[in-house]
Amino acid sequence: MLFELYVVRGDSMTPSFQPGDRLLALPSAYGRKLPGRGDAVIVDSPSAPGERHIKRIVGLPGEEVQLSEGYLWIDGEHLVEPYLGGLPASLGLEERIWKLAQEEMFVMGDNRAHSTDSRVFGPVCAGMIVARVWFRWWPPRRWGLEG
């Protein structure tokens, strides 16, 4: 299949994606290469078999992901996330660190206050990335290429 259709449910990816947005996603977008940081992807849910979610890749294989005092750090460098639309990178002041294995990625929703993501279920293996979000075709006022 050349592309798959997805409907955004829930608000874990606002402001980038709104409930009801219709998306085209490319299942073969990556071929032999790995997804990139900042890509919006469709991922198999590690906590609910059979479910798929839209998330954003923030951590890549082999990196150290750290949430500290409301900021996201990758290998000790603050990650600037323009897609958050002014929302905080992390809620709270606690510190958490994940060291990603060679086939693992760290995914998060853009609306961190309303997202179940790698902070809850841990890093995901690259094989759980089903497709890359490519195009929003609905609603018409927000249609266009993603990423």
Protein backbone atom coordinates (compact mmCIF):
# COMPACT_ATOMS: atom_id res chain seq x y z
CA MET A 1 0.00 0.00 0.00
CA LEU A 2 1.35 3.39 -0.98
CA PHE A 3 -0.20 5.28 1.95
CA GLU A 4 -2.62 4.72 4.82
CA LEU A 5 -5.41 6.94 6.12
CA TYR A 6 -5.51 7.94 9.78
CA VAL A 7 -7.93 10.01 11.82
CA VAL A 8 -6.55 11.86 14.86
CA ARG A 9 -8.42 10.90 18.01
CA GLY A 10 -7.75 12.69 21.26
CA ASP A 11 -5.65 15.76 21.88
CA SER A 12 -2.22 14.33 22.72
CA MET A 13 -0.73 15.99 19.62
CA THR A 14 -2.29 19.45 19.83
CA PRO A 15 -1.50 22.06 18.68
CA SER A 16 0.11 20.27 15.70
CA PHE A 17 -2.75 17.84 15.10
CA GLN A 18 -6.34 18.36 16.23
CA PRO A 19 -8.97 15.70 16.95
CA GLY A 20 -10.69 14.88 13.66
CA ASP A 21 -7.71 15.76 11.44
CA ARG A 22 -7.42 13.29 8.55
CA LEU A 23 -3.89 12.26 7.66
CA LEU A 24 -2.09 10.33 4.96
CA ALA A 25 0.84 8.33 6.32
CA LEU A 26 3.58 6.55 4.39
CA PRO A 27 4.24 3.00 5.67
CA SER A 28 7.39 2.65 3.57
CA ALA A 29 8.73 6.15 4.24
CA TYR A 30 11.92 4.96 5.86
CA GLY A 31 12.95 1.88 3.91
CA ARG A 32 16.40 1.05 5.24
CA LYS A 33 16.93 4.36 7.03
CA LEU A 34 15.69 5.21 10.51
CA PRO A 35 13.11 7.91 11.24
CA GLY A 36 14.43 11.35 12.13
CA ARG A 37 14.04 13.51 15.19
CA GLY A 38 10.90 15.61 14.97
CA ASP A 39 9.09 13.23 12.61
CA ALA A 40 5.40 12.70 13.38
CA VAL A 41 4.85 8.96 13.17
CA ILE A 42 2.20 6.32 13.62
CA VAL A 43 3.36 3.85 16.26
CA ASP A 44 1.95 0.54 17.49
CA SER A 45 0.91 0.94 21.11
CA PRO A 46 3.19 -1.06 23.43
CA SER A 47 0.55 -0.89 26.17
CA ALA A 48 -2.58 -1.70 24.10
CA PRO A 49 -1.98 -4.33 21.39
CA GLY A 50 -3.85 -3.55 18.19
CA GLU A 51 -4.00 0.20 18.85
CA ARG A 52 -1.97 2.79 16.97
CA HIS A 53 -1.12 6.31 18.02
CA ILE A 54 0.40 9.39 16.48
CA LYS A 55 3.50 10.61 18.33
CA ARG A 56 6.64 12.61 17.61
CA ILE A 57 10.14 11.15 17.67
CA VAL A 58 12.34 13.09 20.08
CA GLY A 59 15.07 10.57 20.95
CA LEU A 60 17.08 8.44 18.52
CA PRO A 61 18.95 5.14 18.98
CA GLY A 62 21.90 5.31 21.35
CA GLU A 63 20.98 8.72 22.79
CA GLU A 64 20.35 9.72 26.37
CA VAL A 65 16.97 11.41 26.88
CA GLN A 66 16.55 13.51 30.00
CA LEU A 67 13.58 15.41 31.37
CA SER A 68 14.70 17.92 33.96
CA GLU A 69 12.89 20.89 35.48
CA GLY A 70 10.44 21.09 32.60
CA TYR A 71 13.03 20.83 29.82
CA LEU A 72 13.94 18.05 27.39
CA TRP A 73 17.65 17.30 26.94
CA ILE A 74 19.26 14.97 24.40
CA ASP A 75 22.82 13.88 25.19
CA GLY A 76 23.15 16.88 27.51
CA GLU A 77 21.88 19.48 25.02
CA HIS A 78 18.55 21.27 25.35
CA LEU A 79 16.21 20.24 22.53
CA VAL A 80 14.35 23.15 20.93
CA GLU A 81 10.86 21.96 19.93
CA PRO A 82 9.08 24.56 17.77
CA TYR A 83 6.12 22.20 17.19
CA LEU A 84 5.06 22.54 20.84
CA GLY A 85 3.52 25.94 20.15
CA GLY A 86 4.67 27.39 23.46
CA LEU A 87 3.60 24.40 25.57
CA PRO A 88 6.17 23.11 28.10
CA ALA A 89 8.50 20.31 27.04
CA SER A 90 7.75 18.49 30.28
CA LEU A 91 5.48 18.94 33.24
CA GLY A 92 6.86 19.14 36.76
CA LEU A 93 10.34 19.55 38.09
CA GLU A 94 11.27 15.90 38.46
CA GLU A 95 14.26 14.46 36.68
CA ARG A 96 14.11 11.28 34.60
CA ILE A 97 16.71 9.77 32.31
CA TRP A 98 16.46 7.06 29.64
CA LYS A 99 19.44 5.57 27.78
CA LEU A 100 18.21 4.32 24.40
CA ALA A 101 19.48 1.06 22.93
CA GLN A 102 20.54 0.84 19.27
CA GLU A 103 17.05 0.00 17.99
CA GLU A 104 15.06 2.21 20.38
CA MET A 105 13.38 5.58 19.94
CA PHE A 106 11.73 7.91 22.40
CA VAL A 107 8.33 9.21 21.29
CA MET A 108 6.20 11.91 22.90
CA GLY A 109 2.95 13.71 22.20
CA ASP A 110 3.15 17.44 21.52
CA ASN A 111 0.56 18.11 24.23
CA ARG A 112 2.66 16.66 27.03
CA ALA A 113 -0.04 17.17 29.69
CA HIS A 114 -2.44 14.90 27.78
CA SER A 115 -0.17 12.29 26.21
CA THR A 116 0.59 8.71 27.11
CA ASP A 117 3.97 8.17 25.52
CA SER A 118 7.52 6.92 26.17
CA ARG A 119 7.49 8.65 29.54
CA VAL A 120 4.91 6.04 30.57
CA PHE A 121 5.60 2.96 28.43
CA GLY A 122 9.31 3.52 27.78
CA PRO A 123 11.24 3.70 24.52
CA VAL A 124 9.82 1.91 21.48
CA CYS A 125 11.77 -0.29 19.10
CA ALA A 126 12.12 0.93 15.53
CA GLY A 127 9.89 -1.93 14.34
CA MET A 128 6.94 -0.39 16.19
CA ILE A 129 7.07 2.68 13.93
CA VAL A 130 4.33 1.87 11.41
CA ALA A 131 4.38 4.95 9.17
CA ARG A 132 5.48 8.58 8.88
CA VAL A 133 2.75 11.22 8.75
CA TRP A 134 3.04 12.83 5.35
CA PHE A 135 -0.02 14.95 4.54
CA ARG A 136 -3.08 16.40 6.31
CA TRP A 137 -6.06 16.38 3.93
CA TRP A 138 -8.79 17.41 6.36
CA PRO A 139 -9.89 19.95 7.41
CA PRO A 140 -9.35 21.94 4.20
CA ARG A 141 -8.17 25.09 6.03
CA ARG A 142 -5.25 23.10 7.54
CA TRP A 143 -4.37 20.81 4.63
CA GLY A 144 -0.76 20.42 3.55
CA LEU A 145 2.49 18.50 3.90
CA GLU A 146 3.73 17.59 7.36
CA GLY A 147 7.31 17.82 8.51
